[in-house]
Amino acid sequence: MASHALTRRNFLSFDFGERGIGAADHWIRVHRIAMACRFEVLLSSGDAGDMRAARAALDEADAVESALTVFRDSDVTDLNRRAAYEPVRVRQDLFELLVRSADLTRRTDGAFDVTSTPLSRCWGFLRRDGRVPTDIEIANARSAVGMPYVVLEPASRHVLFAREGVEVNFGAIGKGYALDRMAAVLRREGAPHALLSAGRSSVLGIGGRGRGWQVDVRPVLASRKVGRLWIRTGAIGTSGAGEQFVEVDGRRYGHVIDPRTGRPASGVIGASVVTGNAADADALSTAFLIGGPDLARRYCAAYPQTLAILVLDCPGEPTVAFGNYAGATLEMLT
């Protein structure tokens, strides 16, 4: 018998005050709904003069959503519709995001892949109607998955899909990418201190005072908070196995699909990554949820300034951490 469920991505919580970035009379939250979640800019009372910059940053989140959404006409839906039949010239920012995604796929041994939508559709998660597909259905979906099918021509900014059925979806990197774009607006407007968040799974701190902005990490399925971070300047991305799932004969299948096998990732409840930008933090948290401790360990050894925190899916929910990030302090909780 099958069942499926949807839960909130409530992985990160924020705690402010003297233990965080210093005393403030009050906090100012400027927020907007974009990408199906709440984007927020948090300012201290002393930075109230940066409200205009915060609103401009939220305008940038709207612009990113308009370009990347797959739920209505956008640059990405146009690309997905045409690129299997003709080269499509795309805007510079979209081309750069595709190049960056291809590099992250290479760095993570294929665990992160923006072409994995056919697999999510195969498992029913795209329409939030989970099911367990047959082996043949999985094989057919996998035949259209893989960044090598996305041909990028830097000189002309043309993109061509090498076979029909290929499509790109930036759901695993888009919120972080939007936060990076928002941070660029704030810096350009001269706002030195802010905490940006997207749906409580992606956070970017700018100019945290003292020890920095305090962020607690708790994956959806974990029974407790597993870590506390103080971050001065940098980003945190968290992915977890509890957002959507389908359960058949007592076995739970999560919505995060391993593009290399076509089957849901297992073995990790939640993965958090701290690094210098929010797009990479988002993408890597998904990759480490899929690839587990072995991939996280290898990646953090190869790429300094990356901190990974994984909660394992086994009795006691052990937590492991790899690497480090100079802009953050981690306190493990027991």
Protein backbone atom coordinates (compact mmCIF):
# COMPACT_ATOMS: atom_id res chain seq x y z
CA MET A 1 0.00 0.00 0.00
CA ALA A 2 1.38 3.39 -0.98
CA SER A 3 1.16 6.74 0.79
CA HIS A 4 2.86 10.05 0.20
CA ALA A 5 3.35 13.23 2.18
CA LEU A 6 4.69 16.74 2.01
CA THR A 7 6.42 18.53 4.86
CA ARG A 8 7.95 21.99 5.22
CA ARG A 9 11.63 22.44 4.51
CA ASN A 10 12.27 23.79 7.99
CA PHE A 11 15.96 22.92 8.32
CA LEU A 12 17.47 26.17 9.61
CA SER A 13 16.39 28.42 12.45
CA PHE A 14 17.79 31.78 13.43
CA ASP A 15 18.57 33.12 16.88
CA PHE A 16 19.52 36.76 17.38
CA GLY A 17 20.61 39.00 20.20
CA GLU A 18 23.75 39.36 22.26
CA ARG A 19 24.76 35.74 21.62
CA GLY A 20 24.52 36.39 17.89
CA ILE A 21 25.56 39.58 16.16
CA GLY A 22 25.25 41.93 19.06
CA ALA A 23 22.45 43.68 20.90
CA ALA A 24 19.78 45.46 18.85
CA ASP A 25 16.66 47.40 19.84
CA HIS A 26 14.69 45.41 17.30
CA TRP A 27 14.97 43.47 14.07
CA ILE A 28 13.57 44.54 10.73
CA ARG A 29 12.33 41.83 8.38
CA VAL A 30 11.62 42.67 4.75
CA HIS A 31 10.18 39.71 2.89
CA ARG A 32 8.39 38.52 -0.22
CA ILE A 33 7.15 35.22 -1.65
CA ALA A 34 9.20 34.01 -4.62
CA MET A 35 10.12 30.54 -5.90
CA ALA A 36 7.28 29.13 -3.77
CA CYS A 37 8.95 30.18 -0.52
CA ARG A 38 9.56 33.21 1.66
CA PHE A 39 12.61 35.29 0.75
CA GLU A 40 13.65 37.55 3.60
CA VAL A 41 16.21 40.24 4.32
CA LEU A 42 16.88 40.72 8.03
CA LEU A 43 18.39 43.99 9.25
CA SER A 44 19.24 45.16 12.73
CA SER A 45 17.67 48.37 14.02
CA GLY A 46 20.95 50.17 13.46
CA ASP A 47 20.78 49.35 9.76
CA ALA A 48 17.23 50.61 9.18
CA GLY A 49 18.56 53.02 6.57
CA ASP A 50 19.17 50.02 4.28
CA MET A 51 15.46 49.26 3.84
CA ARG A 52 15.46 50.58 0.27
CA ALA A 53 18.41 48.34 -0.58
CA ALA A 54 16.58 45.37 0.96
CA ARG A 55 13.54 45.97 -1.24
CA ALA A 56 15.78 46.24 -4.29
CA ALA A 57 17.34 42.91 -3.36
CA LEU A 58 13.90 41.30 -3.19
CA ASP A 59 13.15 42.71 -6.64
CA GLU A 60 16.21 40.76 -7.80
CA ALA A 61 14.73 37.54 -6.40
CA ASP A 62 11.62 38.18 -8.49
CA ALA A 63 13.78 38.68 -11.58
CA VAL A 64 15.65 35.42 -10.99
CA GLU A 65 12.38 33.52 -10.54
CA SER A 66 11.01 34.98 -13.78
CA ALA A 67 14.08 33.75 -15.66
CA LEU A 68 14.44 30.29 -14.09
CA THR A 69 10.91 29.06 -13.38
CA VAL A 70 9.68 25.93 -15.15
CA PHE A 71 6.04 26.54 -14.21
CA ARG A 72 5.32 29.33 -16.69
CA ASP A 73 6.95 30.98 -19.69
CA SER A 74 10.56 31.85 -18.90
CA ASP A 75 14.06 31.69 -20.35
CA VAL A 76 14.34 28.12 -19.04
CA THR A 77 11.01 26.88 -20.40
CA ASP A 78 11.92 28.34 -23.79
CA LEU A 79 15.28 26.57 -23.65
CA ASN A 80 13.67 23.25 -22.68
CA ARG A 81 11.13 23.55 -25.47
CA ARG A 82 13.59 24.30 -28.29
CA ALA A 83 17.12 23.11 -27.49
CA ALA A 84 16.67 19.49 -28.61
CA TYR A 85 15.83 20.73 -32.10
CA GLU A 86 17.99 23.82 -32.62
CA PRO A 87 20.78 25.74 -30.88
CA VAL A 88 19.28 28.33 -28.53
CA ARG A 89 21.14 31.52 -27.70
CA VAL A 90 20.59 32.39 -24.05
CA ARG A 91 21.38 35.38 -21.87
CA GLN A 92 24.81 35.67 -20.32
CA ASP A 93 23.61 35.04 -16.77
CA LEU A 94 21.74 31.85 -17.74
CA PHE A 95 24.69 30.59 -19.75
CA GLU A 96 27.02 31.19 -16.81
CA LEU A 97 24.64 29.30 -14.51
CA LEU A 98 24.64 26.34 -16.91
CA VAL A 99 28.45 26.38 -17.03
CA ARG A 100 28.57 26.53 -13.24
CA SER A 101 26.08 23.66 -12.95
CA ALA A 102 28.13 21.53 -15.33
CA ASP A 103 31.25 22.21 -13.23
CA LEU A 104 29.42 21.24 -10.03
CA THR A 105 28.27 18.02 -11.70
CA ARG A 106 31.88 17.23 -12.51
CA ARG A 107 33.10 18.11 -9.01
CA THR A 108 30.45 15.93 -7.33
CA ASP A 109 30.92 12.88 -9.58
CA GLY A 110 27.45 13.39 -11.04
CA ALA A 111 25.55 13.57 -7.74
CA PHE A 112 24.37 17.09 -8.56
CA ASP A 113 22.70 17.31 -11.97
CA VAL A 114 20.22 19.93 -13.20
CA THR A 115 18.95 17.53 -15.89
CA SER A 116 17.38 15.07 -13.43
CA THR A 117 13.77 16.27 -13.90
CA PRO A 118 12.72 13.19 -15.95
CA LEU A 119 13.54 11.06 -12.91
CA SER A 120 11.52 13.25 -10.54
CA ARG A 121 8.63 13.04 -12.99
CA CYS A 122 9.03 9.27 -13.24
CA TRP A 123 8.71 8.93 -9.45
CA GLY A 124 5.72 11.30 -9.38
CA PHE A 125 7.40 13.95 -7.25
CA LEU A 126 7.16 16.70 -9.86
CA ARG A 127 3.39 16.81 -9.36
CA ARG A 128 3.62 15.81 -5.67
CA ASP A 129 1.99 12.48 -6.45
CA GLY A 130 4.67 9.98 -5.42
CA ARG A 131 4.74 6.47 -6.84
CA VAL A 132 7.28 3.67 -7.29
CA PRO A 133 8.04 3.23 -11.00
CA THR A 134 9.14 0.04 -12.71
CA ASP A 135 12.76 -0.65 -13.60
CA ILE A 136 11.92 -0.05 -17.26
CA GLU A 137 10.36 3.33 -16.47
CA ILE A 138 13.45 4.33 -14.50
CA ALA A 139 15.75 3.23 -17.33
CA ASN A 140 13.73 5.22 -19.86
CA ALA A 141 13.88 8.33 -17.68
CA ARG A 142 17.63 7.93 -17.10
CA SER A 143 18.20 7.86 -20.86
CA ALA A 144 17.44 11.61 -20.96
CA VAL A 145 19.45 12.55 -17.85
CA GLY A 146 23.05 13.76 -17.84
CA MET A 147 24.94 17.04 -18.23
CA PRO A 148 26.94 15.64 -21.19
CA TYR A 149 23.67 15.94 -23.14
CA VAL A 150 23.77 19.73 -22.60
CA VAL A 151 26.16 21.15 -25.20
CA LEU A 152 27.45 24.63 -24.32
CA GLU A 153 29.06 26.93 -26.90
CA PRO A 154 30.81 29.76 -25.00
CA ALA A 155 31.68 31.91 -28.02
CA SER A 156 28.06 32.27 -29.12
CA ARG A 157 26.23 31.43 -25.85
CA HIS A 158 24.30 28.78 -27.72
CA VAL A 159 22.89 25.75 -25.89
CA LEU A 160 21.93 22.50 -27.62
CA PHE A 161 20.49 19.33 -26.12
CA ALA A 162 22.06 16.23 -27.64
CA ARG A 163 18.85 14.22 -27.50
CA GLU A 164 15.09 14.65 -27.13
CA GLY A 165 13.65 14.54 -23.63
CA VAL A 166 16.51 16.45 -21.98
CA GLU A 167 15.46 19.40 -19.83
CA VAL A 168 17.08 21.55 -17.19
CA ASN A 169 15.63 22.56 -13.84
CA PHE A 170 17.52 24.71 -11.33
CA GLY A 171 15.44 23.74 -8.31
CA ALA A 172 18.48 22.45 -6.39
CA ILE A 173 20.56 25.59 -6.94
CA GLY A 174 18.10 28.36 -7.81
CA LYS A 175 17.28 29.68 -4.33
CA GLY A 176 20.95 29.97 -3.44
CA TYR A 177 21.69 31.59 -6.79
CA ALA A 178 18.94 34.13 -6.09
CA LEU A 179 20.43 34.90 -2.66
CA ASP A 180 23.83 35.54 -4.27
CA ARG A 181 22.23 37.94 -6.73
CA MET A 182 20.40 39.66 -3.87
CA ALA A 183 23.65 40.01 -1.92
CA ALA A 184 25.27 41.65 -4.94
CA VAL A 185 22.47 44.23 -4.97
CA LEU A 186 22.90 44.94 -1.26
CA ARG A 187 26.64 45.39 -1.62
CA ARG A 188 26.17 47.64 -4.63
CA GLU A 189 23.73 49.75 -2.61
CA GLY A 190 26.20 49.99 0.27
CA ALA A 191 24.37 47.81 2.80
CA PRO A 192 27.13 46.27 4.99
CA HIS A 193 25.13 43.98 7.32
CA ALA A 194 22.21 41.67 6.48
CA LEU A 195 21.04 38.11 6.76
CA LEU A 196 19.28 36.75 3.67
CA SER A 197 17.20 33.60 3.67
CA ALA A 198 15.09 31.59 1.25
CA GLY A 199 12.60 29.13 2.66
CA ARG A 200 14.72 28.34 5.74
CA SER A 201 16.86 25.97 3.72
CA SER A 202 19.20 28.59 2.23
CA VAL A 203 20.90 31.37 4.18
CA LEU A 204 23.51 33.98 3.28
CA GLY A 205 25.12 36.28 5.82
CA ILE A 206 26.75 39.61 5.06
CA GLY A 207 28.96 41.31 7.62
CA GLY A 208 27.85 39.57 10.81
CA ARG A 209 29.09 41.43 13.85
CA GLY A 210 30.97 39.73 16.68
CA ARG A 211 30.83 35.95 16.26
CA GLY A 212 28.36 36.41 13.43
CA TRP A 213 24.77 35.49 12.66
CA GLN A 214 23.62 32.49 14.70
CA VAL A 215 21.94 29.70 12.75
CA ASP A 216 20.76 26.38 14.19
CA VAL A 217 20.70 23.31 11.93
CA ARG A 218 17.98 20.68 12.27
CA PRO A 219 16.99 18.43 9.33
CA VAL A 220 13.29 17.60 9.05
CA LEU A 221 13.66 13.95 10.07
CA ALA A 222 16.21 14.53 12.82
CA SER A 223 14.96 14.27 16.39
CA ARG A 224 17.03 17.25 17.55
CA LYS A 225 19.13 20.22 16.53
CA VAL A 226 22.45 18.85 15.40
CA GLY A 227 24.64 21.92 15.10
CA ARG A 228 24.88 25.64 15.73
CA LEU A 229 26.71 27.93 13.35
CA TRP A 230 27.88 31.48 13.76
CA ILE A 231 28.48 32.90 10.33
CA ARG A 232 30.00 36.30 9.61
CA THR A 233 30.09 36.30 5.79
CA GLY A 234 29.16 33.21 3.84
CA ALA A 235 26.31 30.90 3.01
CA ILE A 236 24.57 27.80 4.38
CA GLY A 237 22.56 25.38 2.27
CA THR A 238 20.65 22.43 3.73
CA SER A 239 18.91 19.51 2.05
CA GLY A 240 16.91 16.78 3.75
CA ALA A 241 15.10 13.57 2.99
CA GLY A 242 11.79 14.53 4.58
CA GLU A 243 10.20 17.06 2.24
CA GLN A 244 8.31 14.59 0.03
CA PHE A 245 8.22 10.82 0.12
CA VAL A 246 6.29 7.80 -1.01
CA GLU A 247 5.89 4.78 1.28
CA VAL A 248 5.24 1.30 -0.12
CA ASP A 249 5.06 -1.88 1.99
CA GLY A 250 6.62 -0.05 4.91
CA ARG A 251 9.57 1.30 2.93
CA ARG A 252 10.02 5.04 2.59
CA TYR A 253 11.34 6.55 -0.66
CA GLY A 254 12.44 10.20 -0.43
CA HIS A 255 12.04 12.81 -3.16
CA VAL A 256 15.77 13.45 -3.71
CA ILE A 257 16.75 11.22 -6.64
CA ASP A 258 20.28 10.07 -7.34
CA PRO A 259 20.72 10.93 -11.04
CA ARG A 260 23.38 8.23 -11.36
CA THR A 261 21.03 5.39 -10.40
CA GLY A 262 17.58 6.84 -10.98
CA ARG A 263 16.54 5.89 -7.44
CA PRO A 264 15.97 7.92 -4.26
CA ALA A 265 19.01 8.75 -2.17
CA SER A 266 19.35 6.89 1.12
CA GLY A 267 21.64 6.75 4.12
CA VAL A 268 21.62 10.47 5.02
CA ILE A 269 18.80 12.33 6.79
CA GLY A 270 20.17 15.80 6.14
CA ALA A 271 23.19 17.54 4.69
CA SER A 272 24.27 21.12 5.39
CA VAL A 273 27.08 22.92 3.60
CA VAL A 274 28.81 26.18 4.51
CA THR A 275 30.82 27.92 1.83
CA GLY A 276 31.42 31.32 0.29
CA ASN A 277 28.32 31.55 -1.90
CA ALA A 278 24.75 30.34 -1.59
CA ALA A 279 24.44 28.70 -5.02
CA ASP A 280 27.30 26.30 -4.33
CA ALA A 281 26.06 25.67 -0.78
CA ASP A 282 22.62 24.68 -2.10
CA ALA A 283 23.96 22.46 -4.88
CA LEU A 284 26.51 20.75 -2.63
CA SER A 285 23.98 20.05 0.12
CA THR A 286 21.92 18.10 -2.44
CA ALA A 287 25.02 16.34 -3.76
CA PHE A 288 26.15 15.29 -0.27
CA LEU A 289 22.66 14.10 0.66
CA ILE A 290 22.95 11.81 -2.36
CA GLY A 291 26.64 10.93 -2.25
CA GLY A 292 26.91 10.61 1.52
CA PRO A 293 29.99 10.90 3.74
CA ASP A 294 32.41 9.50 1.16
CA LEU A 295 31.62 12.24 -1.37
CA ALA A 296 31.53 14.96 1.29
CA ARG A 297 34.91 13.89 2.66
CA ARG A 298 36.54 13.80 -0.78
CA TYR A 299 35.06 17.09 -1.86
CA CYS A 300 36.02 19.01 1.29
CA ALA A 301 39.57 17.66 1.03
CA ALA A 302 39.82 18.75 -2.61
CA TYR A 303 38.09 22.12 -2.29
CA PRO A 304 39.11 24.16 0.79
CA GLN A 305 36.70 26.62 2.39
CA THR A 306 33.88 24.07 2.35
CA LEU A 307 32.31 22.75 5.56
CA ALA A 308 29.87 19.82 5.40
CA ILE A 309 27.62 18.55 8.22
CA LEU A 310 25.78 15.26 7.61
CA VAL A 311 23.21 13.48 9.78
CA LEU A 312 23.24 9.76 9.04
CA ASP A 313 20.12 7.62 8.78
CA CYS A 314 20.93 4.99 11.39
CA PRO A 315 20.25 4.46 15.10
CA GLY A 316 21.29 7.45 17.18
CA GLU A 317 21.39 9.71 14.12
CA PRO A 318 25.16 10.23 14.25
CA THR A 319 26.48 13.50 12.84
CA VAL A 320 29.72 13.81 10.92
CA ALA A 321 31.49 16.95 9.75
CA PHE A 322 34.19 17.49 7.15
CA GLY A 323 36.30 20.45 6.07
CA ASN A 324 36.12 24.00 7.38
CA TYR A 325 35.05 27.49 6.40
CA ALA A 326 36.96 30.44 7.80
CA GLY A 327 33.90 32.70 7.93
CA ALA A 328 31.94 30.42 10.26
CA THR A 329 32.24 28.77 13.68
CA LEU A 330 30.55 25.41 14.21
CA GLU A 331 29.37 24.09 17.57
CA MET A 332 28.17 20.48 17.41
CA LEU A 333 25.18 19.77 19.66
CA THR A 334 24.52 16.50 21.49
